[in-house]
Amino acid sequence: EQVVLTKDGVGKAFAGVLENPPNSSYEIMTPEAYRRHVAV
């Protein structure tokens, strides 16, 4: 959440992530993979 909050703002870090949540522990542990929609 700190990464998304810092780089994308409050809206993306809260409502945005709830509406479009990560799929895997990989995305949680590598937030940039989530932000860039890297395929898992």
ModelCIF file with pLDDT and N, C-alpha, C, O atoms, coordinates in Angstrom:
data_MODEL
#
_entry.id   MODEL 
#
_entity.id                         1 
_entity.type                       polymer 
_entity.pdbx_number_of_molecules   1 
#
_entity_poly.entity_id                      1 
_entity_poly.type                           'polypeptide(L)' 
_entity_poly.nstd_linkage                   no 
_entity_poly.nstd_monomer                   no 
_entity_poly.pdbx_seq_one_letter_code       EQVVLTKDGVGKAFAGVLENPPNSSYEIMTPEAYRRHVAV 
_entity_poly.pdbx_seq_one_letter_code_can   EQVVLTKDGVGKAFAGVLENPPNSSYEIMTPEAYRRHVAV 
_entity_poly.pdbx_strand_id                 A 
#
loop_
_entity_poly_seq.entity_id 
_entity_poly_seq.num 
_entity_poly_seq.mon_id 
_entity_poly_seq.hetero 
1 1  GLU n 
1 2  GLN n 
1 3  VAL n 
1 4  VAL n 
1 5  LEU n 
1 6  THR n 
1 7  LYS n 
1 8  ASP n 
1 9  GLY n 
1 10 VAL n 
1 11 GLY n 
1 12 LYS n 
1 13 ALA n 
1 14 PHE n 
1 15 ALA n 
1 16 GLY n 
1 17 VAL n 
1 18 LEU n 
1 19 GLU n 
1 20 ASN n 
1 21 PRO n 
1 22 PRO n 
1 23 ASN n 
1 24 SER n 
1 25 SER n 
1 26 TYR n 
1 27 GLU n 
1 28 ILE n 
1 29 MET n 
1 30 THR n 
1 31 PRO n 
1 32 GLU n 
1 33 ALA n 
1 34 TYR n 
1 35 ARG n 
1 36 ARG n 
1 37 HIS n 
1 38 VAL n 
1 39 ALA n 
1 40 VAL n 
#
_struct_asym.id          A 
_struct_asym.entity_id   1 
#
loop_
_ma_qa_metric.id 
_ma_qa_metric.mode 
_ma_qa_metric.name 
_ma_qa_metric.software_group_id 
_ma_qa_metric.type 
1 global pLDDT . pLDDT 
2 local  pLDDT . pLDDT 
#
_ma_qa_metric_global.metric_id      1 
_ma_qa_metric_global.metric_value   94.72 
_ma_qa_metric_global.model_id       1 
_ma_qa_metric_global.ordinal_id     1 
#
loop_
_ma_qa_metric_local.label_asym_id 
_ma_qa_metric_local.label_comp_id 
_ma_qa_metric_local.label_seq_id 
_ma_qa_metric_local.metric_id 
_ma_qa_metric_local.metric_value 
_ma_qa_metric_local.model_id 
_ma_qa_metric_local.ordinal_id 
A GLU 1  2 96.00 1 1  
A GLN 2  2 94.00 1 2  
A VAL 3  2 94.00 1 3  
A VAL 4  2 96.00 1 4  
A LEU 5  2 95.00 1 5  
A THR 6  2 93.00 1 6  
A LYS 7  2 95.00 1 7  
A ASP 8  2 96.00 1 8  
A GLY 9  2 95.00 1 9  
A VAL 10 2 97.00 1 10 
A GLY 11 2 97.00 1 11 
A LYS 12 2 97.00 1 12 
A ALA 13 2 97.00 1 13 
A PHE 14 2 98.00 1 14 
A ALA 15 2 98.00 1 15 
A GLY 16 2 98.00 1 16 
A VAL 17 2 98.00 1 17 
A LEU 18 2 98.00 1 18 
A GLU 19 2 97.00 1 19 
A ASN 20 2 96.00 1 20 
A PRO 21 2 96.00 1 21 
A PRO 22 2 94.00 1 22 
A ASN 23 2 88.00 1 23 
A SER 24 2 91.00 1 24 
A SER 25 2 93.00 1 25 
A TYR 26 2 93.00 1 26 
A GLU 27 2 95.00 1 27 
A ILE 28 2 96.00 1 28 
A MET 29 2 95.00 1 29 
A THR 30 2 95.00 1 30 
A PRO 31 2 97.00 1 31 
A GLU 32 2 96.00 1 32 
A ALA 33 2 95.00 1 33 
A TYR 34 2 96.00 1 34 
A ARG 35 2 97.00 1 35 
A ARG 36 2 96.00 1 36 
A HIS 37 2 94.00 1 37 
A VAL 38 2 91.00 1 38 
A ALA 39 2 86.00 1 39 
A VAL 40 2 80.00 1 40 
#
loop_
_atom_site.group_PDB 
_atom_site.id 
_atom_site.type_symbol 
_atom_site.label_atom_id 
_atom_site.label_alt_id 
_atom_site.label_comp_id 
_atom_site.label_asym_id 
_atom_site.label_entity_id 
_atom_site.label_seq_id 
_atom_site.pdbx_PDB_ins_code 
_atom_site.Cartn_x 
_atom_site.Cartn_y 
_atom_site.Cartn_z 
_atom_site.occupancy 
_atom_site.B_iso_or_equiv 
_atom_site.pdbx_formal_charge 
_atom_site.auth_seq_id 
_atom_site.auth_comp_id 
_atom_site.auth_asym_id 
_atom_site.auth_atom_id 
_atom_site.pdbx_PDB_model_num 
ATOM 1   N N  . GLU A 1 1  ? 0.823   -1.208  0.000   1.00 96.00 ? 1  GLU A N  1 
ATOM 2   C CA . GLU A 1 1  ? 0.000   0.000   0.000   1.00 96.00 ? 1  GLU A CA 1 
ATOM 3   C C  . GLU A 1 1  ? 0.862   1.264   0.000   1.00 96.00 ? 1  GLU A C  1 
ATOM 4   O O  . GLU A 1 1  ? 0.507   2.268   -0.618  1.00 96.00 ? 1  GLU A O  1 
ATOM 5   N N  . GLN A 1 2  ? 1.983   1.203   0.692   1.00 94.00 ? 2  GLN A N  1 
ATOM 6   C CA . GLN A 1 2  ? 2.882   2.367   0.734   1.00 94.00 ? 2  GLN A CA 1 
ATOM 7   C C  . GLN A 1 2  ? 3.369   2.724   -0.663  1.00 94.00 ? 2  GLN A C  1 
ATOM 8   O O  . GLN A 1 2  ? 3.420   3.902   -1.016  1.00 94.00 ? 2  GLN A O  1 
ATOM 9   N N  . VAL A 1 3  ? 3.725   1.729   -1.457  1.00 94.00 ? 3  VAL A N  1 
ATOM 10  C CA . VAL A 1 3  ? 4.215   1.981   -2.814  1.00 94.00 ? 3  VAL A CA 1 
ATOM 11  C C  . VAL A 1 3  ? 3.102   2.587   -3.669  1.00 94.00 ? 3  VAL A C  1 
ATOM 12  O O  . VAL A 1 3  ? 3.311   3.598   -4.338  1.00 94.00 ? 3  VAL A O  1 
ATOM 13  N N  . VAL A 1 4  ? 1.915   1.966   -3.646  1.00 96.00 ? 4  VAL A N  1 
ATOM 14  C CA . VAL A 1 4  ? 0.815   2.478   -4.469  1.00 96.00 ? 4  VAL A CA 1 
ATOM 15  C C  . VAL A 1 4  ? 0.414   3.877   -4.006  1.00 96.00 ? 4  VAL A C  1 
ATOM 16  O O  . VAL A 1 4  ? 0.150   4.754   -4.829  1.00 96.00 ? 4  VAL A O  1 
ATOM 17  N N  . LEU A 1 5  ? 0.367   4.082   -2.694  1.00 95.00 ? 5  LEU A N  1 
ATOM 18  C CA . LEU A 1 5  ? 0.005   5.383   -2.142  1.00 95.00 ? 5  LEU A CA 1 
ATOM 19  C C  . LEU A 1 5  ? 0.990   6.460   -2.573  1.00 95.00 ? 5  LEU A C  1 
ATOM 20  O O  . LEU A 1 5  ? 0.586   7.539   -3.007  1.00 95.00 ? 5  LEU A O  1 
ATOM 21  N N  . THR A 1 6  ? 2.269   6.171   -2.455  1.00 93.00 ? 6  THR A N  1 
ATOM 22  C CA . THR A 1 6  ? 3.302   7.159   -2.769  1.00 93.00 ? 6  THR A CA 1 
ATOM 23  C C  . THR A 1 6  ? 3.342   7.487   -4.255  1.00 93.00 ? 6  THR A C  1 
ATOM 24  O O  . THR A 1 6  ? 3.526   8.645   -4.631  1.00 93.00 ? 6  THR A O  1 
ATOM 25  N N  . LYS A 1 7  ? 3.170   6.479   -5.096  1.00 95.00 ? 7  LYS A N  1 
ATOM 26  C CA . LYS A 1 7  ? 3.339   6.685   -6.538  1.00 95.00 ? 7  LYS A CA 1 
ATOM 27  C C  . LYS A 1 7  ? 2.046   7.028   -7.266  1.00 95.00 ? 7  LYS A C  1 
ATOM 28  O O  . LYS A 1 7  ? 2.077   7.680   -8.310  1.00 95.00 ? 7  LYS A O  1 
ATOM 29  N N  . ASP A 1 8  ? 0.899   6.593   -6.720  1.00 96.00 ? 8  ASP A N  1 
ATOM 30  C CA . ASP A 1 8  ? -0.357  6.760   -7.451  1.00 96.00 ? 8  ASP A CA 1 
ATOM 31  C C  . ASP A 1 8  ? -1.414  7.549   -6.693  1.00 96.00 ? 8  ASP A C  1 
ATOM 32  O O  . ASP A 1 8  ? -2.451  7.888   -7.264  1.00 96.00 ? 8  ASP A O  1 
ATOM 33  N N  . GLY A 1 9  ? -1.177  7.848   -5.424  1.00 95.00 ? 9  GLY A N  1 
ATOM 34  C CA . GLY A 1 9  ? -2.123  8.657   -4.687  1.00 95.00 ? 9  GLY A CA 1 
ATOM 35  C C  . GLY A 1 9  ? -3.134  7.855   -3.882  1.00 95.00 ? 9  GLY A C  1 
ATOM 36  O O  . GLY A 1 9  ? -3.231  6.634   -4.010  1.00 95.00 ? 9  GLY A O  1 
ATOM 37  N N  . VAL A 1 10 ? -3.892  8.575   -3.044  1.00 97.00 ? 10 VAL A N  1 
ATOM 38  C CA . VAL A 1 10 ? -4.819  7.941   -2.106  1.00 97.00 ? 10 VAL A CA 1 
ATOM 39  C C  . VAL A 1 10 ? -5.933  7.190   -2.827  1.00 97.00 ? 10 VAL A C  1 
ATOM 40  O O  . VAL A 1 10 ? -6.263  6.065   -2.454  1.00 97.00 ? 10 VAL A O  1 
ATOM 41  N N  . GLY A 1 11 ? -6.511  7.801   -3.853  1.00 97.00 ? 11 GLY A N  1 
ATOM 42  C CA . GLY A 1 11 ? -7.612  7.157   -4.569  1.00 97.00 ? 11 GLY A CA 1 
ATOM 43  C C  . GLY A 1 11 ? -7.232  5.810   -5.127  1.00 97.00 ? 11 GLY A C  1 
ATOM 44  O O  . GLY A 1 11 ? -7.987  4.848   -4.985  1.00 97.00 ? 11 GLY A O  1 
ATOM 45  N N  . LYS A 1 12 ? -6.074  5.717   -5.763  1.00 97.00 ? 12 LYS A N  1 
ATOM 46  C CA . LYS A 1 12 ? -5.608  4.438   -6.322  1.00 97.00 ? 12 LYS A CA 1 
ATOM 47  C C  . LYS A 1 12 ? -5.276  3.440   -5.222  1.00 97.00 ? 12 LYS A C  1 
ATOM 48  O O  . LYS A 1 12 ? -5.545  2.248   -5.364  1.00 97.00 ? 12 LYS A O  1 
ATOM 49  N N  . ALA A 1 13 ? -4.690  3.924   -4.120  1.00 97.00 ? 13 ALA A N  1 
ATOM 50  C CA . ALA A 1 13 ? -4.232  3.024   -3.061  1.00 97.00 ? 13 ALA A CA 1 
ATOM 51  C C  . ALA A 1 13 ? -5.387  2.400   -2.292  1.00 97.00 ? 13 ALA A C  1 
ATOM 52  O O  . ALA A 1 13 ? -5.237  1.312   -1.735  1.00 97.00 ? 13 ALA A O  1 
ATOM 53  N N  . PHE A 1 14 ? -6.531  3.067   -2.251  1.00 98.00 ? 14 PHE A N  1 
ATOM 54  C CA . PHE A 1 14 ? -7.663  2.549   -1.479  1.00 98.00 ? 14 PHE A CA 1 
ATOM 55  C C  . PHE A 1 14 ? -8.779  2.077   -2.407  1.00 98.00 ? 14 PHE A C  1 
ATOM 56  O O  . PHE A 1 14 ? -8.869  0.882   -2.685  1.00 98.00 ? 14 PHE A O  1 
ATOM 57  N N  . ALA A 1 15 ? -9.617  2.966   -2.887  1.00 98.00 ? 15 ALA A N  1 
ATOM 58  C CA . ALA A 1 15 ? -10.723 2.541   -3.743  1.00 98.00 ? 15 ALA A CA 1 
ATOM 59  C C  . ALA A 1 15 ? -10.216 1.824   -4.991  1.00 98.00 ? 15 ALA A C  1 
ATOM 60  O O  . ALA A 1 15 ? -10.801 0.834   -5.428  1.00 98.00 ? 15 ALA A O  1 
ATOM 61  N N  . GLY A 1 16 ? -9.120  2.334   -5.559  1.00 98.00 ? 16 GLY A N  1 
ATOM 62  C CA . GLY A 1 16 ? -8.599  1.719   -6.784  1.00 98.00 ? 16 GLY A CA 1 
ATOM 63  C C  . GLY A 1 16 ? -8.158  0.286   -6.585  1.00 98.00 ? 16 GLY A C  1 
ATOM 64  O O  . GLY A 1 16 ? -8.454  -0.570  -7.418  1.00 98.00 ? 16 GLY A O  1 
ATOM 65  N N  . VAL A 1 17 ? -7.452  0.004   -5.490  1.00 98.00 ? 17 VAL A N  1 
ATOM 66  C CA . VAL A 1 17 ? -6.992  -1.362  -5.231  1.00 98.00 ? 17 VAL A CA 1 
ATOM 67  C C  . VAL A 1 17 ? -8.170  -2.265  -4.856  1.00 98.00 ? 17 VAL A C  1 
ATOM 68  O O  . VAL A 1 17 ? -8.187  -3.438  -5.231  1.00 98.00 ? 17 VAL A O  1 
ATOM 69  N N  . LEU A 1 18 ? -9.148  -1.740  -4.126  1.00 98.00 ? 18 LEU A N  1 
ATOM 70  C CA . LEU A 1 18 ? -10.329 -2.547  -3.797  1.00 98.00 ? 18 LEU A CA 1 
ATOM 71  C C  . LEU A 1 18 ? -11.104 -2.931  -5.054  1.00 98.00 ? 18 LEU A C  1 
ATOM 72  O O  . LEU A 1 18 ? -11.624 -4.043  -5.153  1.00 98.00 ? 18 LEU A O  1 
ATOM 73  N N  . GLU A 1 19 ? -11.179 -2.010  -6.012  1.00 97.00 ? 19 GLU A N  1 
ATOM 74  C CA . GLU A 1 19 ? -11.906 -2.287  -7.246  1.00 97.00 ? 19 GLU A CA 1 
ATOM 75  C C  . GLU A 1 19 ? -11.118 -3.164  -8.196  1.00 97.00 ? 19 GLU A C  1 
ATOM 76  O O  . GLU A 1 19 ? -11.706 -3.872  -9.014  1.00 97.00 ? 19 GLU A O  1 
ATOM 77  N N  . ASN A 1 20 ? -9.800  -3.130  -8.104  1.00 96.00 ? 20 ASN A N  1 
ATOM 78  C CA . ASN A 1 20 ? -8.941  -3.899  -9.007  1.00 96.00 ? 20 ASN A CA 1 
ATOM 79  C C  . ASN A 1 20 ? -7.821  -4.534  -8.192  1.00 96.00 ? 20 ASN A C  1 
ATOM 80  O O  . ASN A 1 20 ? -6.669  -4.109  -8.283  1.00 96.00 ? 20 ASN A O  1 
ATOM 81  N N  . PRO A 1 21 ? -8.151  -5.550  -7.393  1.00 96.00 ? 21 PRO A N  1 
ATOM 82  C CA . PRO A 1 21 ? -7.177  -6.086  -6.431  1.00 96.00 ? 21 PRO A CA 1 
ATOM 83  C C  . PRO A 1 21 ? -6.112  -6.955  -7.077  1.00 96.00 ? 21 PRO A C  1 
ATOM 84  O O  . PRO A 1 21 ? -6.322  -7.505  -8.158  1.00 96.00 ? 21 PRO A O  1 
ATOM 85  N N  . PRO A 1 22 ? -4.969  -7.079  -6.414  1.00 94.00 ? 22 PRO A N  1 
ATOM 86  C CA . PRO A 1 22 ? -3.923  -8.001  -6.887  1.00 94.00 ? 22 PRO A CA 1 
ATOM 87  C C  . PRO A 1 22 ? -4.389  -9.444  -6.759  1.00 94.00 ? 22 PRO A C  1 
ATOM 88  O O  . PRO A 1 22 ? -5.319  -9.753  -6.015  1.00 94.00 ? 22 PRO A O  1 
ATOM 89  N N  . ASN A 1 23 ? -3.718  -10.323 -7.506  1.00 88.00 ? 23 ASN A N  1 
ATOM 90  C CA . ASN A 1 23 ? -4.124  -11.725 -7.579  1.00 88.00 ? 23 ASN A CA 1 
ATOM 91  C C  . ASN A 1 23 ? -3.237  -12.675 -6.805  1.00 88.00 ? 23 ASN A C  1 
ATOM 92  O O  . ASN A 1 23 ? -3.613  -13.826 -6.580  1.00 88.00 ? 23 ASN A O  1 
ATOM 93  N N  . SER A 1 24 ? -2.063  -12.214 -6.392  1.00 91.00 ? 24 SER A N  1 
ATOM 94  C CA . SER A 1 24 ? -1.066  -13.178 -5.923  1.00 91.00 ? 24 SER A CA 1 
ATOM 95  C C  . SER A 1 24 ? -0.151  -12.556 -4.877  1.00 91.00 ? 24 SER A C  1 
ATOM 96  O O  . SER A 1 24 ? -0.048  -11.334 -4.768  1.00 91.00 ? 24 SER A O  1 
ATOM 97  N N  . SER A 1 25 ? 0.509   -13.418 -4.113  1.00 93.00 ? 25 SER A N  1 
ATOM 98  C CA . SER A 1 25 ? 1.508   -12.930 -3.171  1.00 93.00 ? 25 SER A CA 1 
ATOM 99  C C  . SER A 1 25 ? 2.673   -12.289 -3.920  1.00 93.00 ? 25 SER A C  1 
ATOM 100 O O  . SER A 1 25 ? 3.332   -11.395 -3.387  1.00 93.00 ? 25 SER A O  1 
ATOM 101 N N  . TYR A 1 26 ? 2.933   -12.733 -5.148  1.00 93.00 ? 26 TYR A N  1 
ATOM 102 C CA . TYR A 1 26 ? 3.987   -12.125 -5.968  1.00 93.00 ? 26 TYR A CA 1 
ATOM 103 C C  . TYR A 1 26 ? 3.716   -10.637 -6.177  1.00 93.00 ? 26 TYR A C  1 
ATOM 104 O O  . TYR A 1 26 ? 4.628   -9.818  -6.060  1.00 93.00 ? 26 TYR A O  1 
ATOM 105 N N  . GLU A 1 27 ? 2.464   -10.283 -6.485  1.00 95.00 ? 27 GLU A N  1 
ATOM 106 C CA . GLU A 1 27 ? 2.134   -8.876  -6.717  1.00 95.00 ? 27 GLU A CA 1 
ATOM 107 C C  . GLU A 1 27 ? 2.197   -8.066  -5.428  1.00 95.00 ? 27 GLU A C  1 
ATOM 108 O O  . GLU A 1 27 ? 2.589   -6.899  -5.446  1.00 95.00 ? 27 GLU A O  1 
ATOM 109 N N  . ILE A 1 28 ? 1.808   -8.684  -4.298  1.00 96.00 ? 28 ILE A N  1 
ATOM 110 C CA . ILE A 1 28 ? 1.913   -7.994  -3.016  1.00 96.00 ? 28 ILE A CA 1 
ATOM 111 C C  . ILE A 1 28 ? 3.384   -7.741  -2.682  1.00 96.00 ? 28 ILE A C  1 
ATOM 112 O O  . ILE A 1 28 ? 3.746   -6.649  -2.243  1.00 96.00 ? 28 ILE A O  1 
ATOM 113 N N  . MET A 1 29 ? 4.228   -8.749  -2.889  1.00 95.00 ? 29 MET A N  1 
ATOM 114 C CA . MET A 1 29 ? 5.636   -8.647  -2.546  1.00 95.00 ? 29 MET A CA 1 
ATOM 115 C C  . MET A 1 29 ? 6.418   -7.843  -3.579  1.00 95.00 ? 29 MET A C  1 
ATOM 116 O O  . MET A 1 29 ? 7.526   -7.385  -3.301  1.00 95.00 ? 29 MET A O  1 
ATOM 117 N N  . THR A 1 30 ? 5.844   -7.669  -4.775  1.00 95.00 ? 30 THR A N  1 
ATOM 118 C CA . THR A 1 30 ? 6.473   -6.880  -5.843  1.00 95.00 ? 30 THR A CA 1 
ATOM 119 C C  . THR A 1 30 ? 5.443   -5.892  -6.359  1.00 95.00 ? 30 THR A C  1 
ATOM 120 O O  . THR A 1 30 ? 4.867   -6.112  -7.425  1.00 95.00 ? 30 THR A O  1 
ATOM 121 N N  . PRO A 1 31 ? 5.195   -4.809  -5.634  1.00 97.00 ? 31 PRO A N  1 
ATOM 122 C CA . PRO A 1 31 ? 4.121   -3.883  -6.011  1.00 97.00 ? 31 PRO A CA 1 
ATOM 123 C C  . PRO A 1 31 ? 4.235   -3.338  -7.430  1.00 97.00 ? 31 PRO A C  1 
ATOM 124 O O  . PRO A 1 31 ? 3.223   -3.054  -8.070  1.00 97.00 ? 31 PRO A O  1 
ATOM 125 N N  . GLU A 1 32 ? 5.479   -3.189  -7.930  1.00 96.00 ? 32 GLU A N  1 
ATOM 126 C CA . GLU A 1 32 ? 5.629   -2.672  -9.289  1.00 96.00 ? 32 GLU A CA 1 
ATOM 127 C C  . GLU A 1 32 ? 5.034   -3.631  -10.313 1.00 96.00 ? 32 GLU A C  1 
ATOM 128 O O  . GLU A 1 32 ? 4.573   -3.196  -11.368 1.00 96.00 ? 32 GLU A O  1 
ATOM 129 N N  . ALA A 1 33 ? 5.038   -4.928  -10.017 1.00 95.00 ? 33 ALA A N  1 
ATOM 130 C CA . ALA A 1 33 ? 4.408   -5.884  -10.923 1.00 95.00 ? 33 ALA A CA 1 
ATOM 131 C C  . ALA A 1 33 ? 2.906   -5.633  -11.003 1.00 95.00 ? 33 ALA A C  1 
ATOM 132 O O  . ALA A 1 33 ? 2.303   -5.716  -12.073 1.00 95.00 ? 33 ALA A O  1 
ATOM 133 N N  . TYR A 1 34 ? 2.320   -5.327  -9.858  1.00 96.00 ? 34 TYR A N  1 
ATOM 134 C CA . TYR A 1 34 ? 0.884   -4.982  -9.846  1.00 96.00 ? 34 TYR A CA 1 
ATOM 135 C C  . TYR A 1 34 ? 0.635   -3.679  -10.591 1.00 96.00 ? 34 TYR A C  1 
ATOM 136 O O  . TYR A 1 34 ? -0.277  -3.601  -11.414 1.00 96.00 ? 34 TYR A O  1 
ATOM 137 N N  . ARG A 1 35 ? 1.434   -2.659  -10.314 1.00 97.00 ? 35 ARG A N  1 
ATOM 138 C CA . ARG A 1 35 ? 1.213   -1.344  -10.909 1.00 97.00 ? 35 ARG A CA 1 
ATOM 139 C C  . ARG A 1 35 ? 1.354   -1.392  -12.435 1.00 97.00 ? 35 ARG A C  1 
ATOM 140 O O  . ARG A 1 35 ? 0.670   -0.664  -13.153 1.00 97.00 ? 35 ARG A O  1 
ATOM 141 N N  . ARG A 1 36 ? 2.238   -2.248  -12.912 1.00 96.00 ? 36 ARG A N  1 
ATOM 142 C CA . ARG A 1 36 ? 2.494   -2.316  -14.360 1.00 96.00 ? 36 ARG A CA 1 
ATOM 143 C C  . ARG A 1 36 ? 1.708   -3.434  -15.034 1.00 96.00 ? 36 ARG A C  1 
ATOM 144 O O  . ARG A 1 36 ? 1.876   -3.683  -16.228 1.00 96.00 ? 36 ARG A O  1 
ATOM 145 N N  . HIS A 1 37 ? 0.850   -4.107  -14.272 1.00 94.00 ? 37 HIS A N  1 
ATOM 146 C CA . HIS A 1 37 ? 0.048   -5.216  -14.799 1.00 94.00 ? 37 HIS A CA 1 
ATOM 147 C C  . HIS A 1 37 ? 0.921   -6.309  -15.399 1.00 94.00 ? 37 HIS A C  1 
ATOM 148 O O  . HIS A 1 37 ? 0.602   -6.872  -16.447 1.00 94.00 ? 37 HIS A O  1 
ATOM 149 N N  . VAL A 1 38 ? 2.031   -6.601  -14.719 1.00 91.00 ? 38 VAL A N  1 
ATOM 150 C CA . VAL A 1 38 ? 2.913   -7.664  -15.186 1.00 91.00 ? 38 VAL A CA 1 
ATOM 151 C C  . VAL A 1 38 ? 2.207   -9.007  -15.040 1.00 91.00 ? 38 VAL A C  1 
ATOM 152 O O  . VAL A 1 38 ? 1.606   -9.292  -14.004 1.00 91.00 ? 38 VAL A O  1 
ATOM 153 N N  . ALA A 1 39 ? 2.281   -9.818  -16.069 1.00 86.00 ? 39 ALA A N  1 
ATOM 154 C CA . ALA A 1 39 ? 1.622   -11.123 -16.041 1.00 86.00 ? 39 ALA A CA 1 
ATOM 155 C C  . ALA A 1 39 ? 2.284   -12.041 -15.015 1.00 86.00 ? 39 ALA A C  1 
ATOM 156 O O  . ALA A 1 39 ? 3.510   -12.102 -14.917 1.00 86.00 ? 39 ALA A O  1 
ATOM 157 N N  . VAL A 1 40 ? 1.465   -12.743 -14.263 1.00 80.00 ? 40 VAL A N  1 
ATOM 158 C CA . VAL A 1 40 ? 1.950   -13.751 -13.320 1.00 80.00 ? 40 VAL A CA 1 
ATOM 159 C C  . VAL A 1 40 ? 1.698   -15.115 -13.959 1.00 80.00 ? 40 VAL A C  1 
ATOM 160 O O  . VAL A 1 40 ? 2.018   -16.144 -13.364 1.00 80.00 ? 40 VAL A O  1 
#
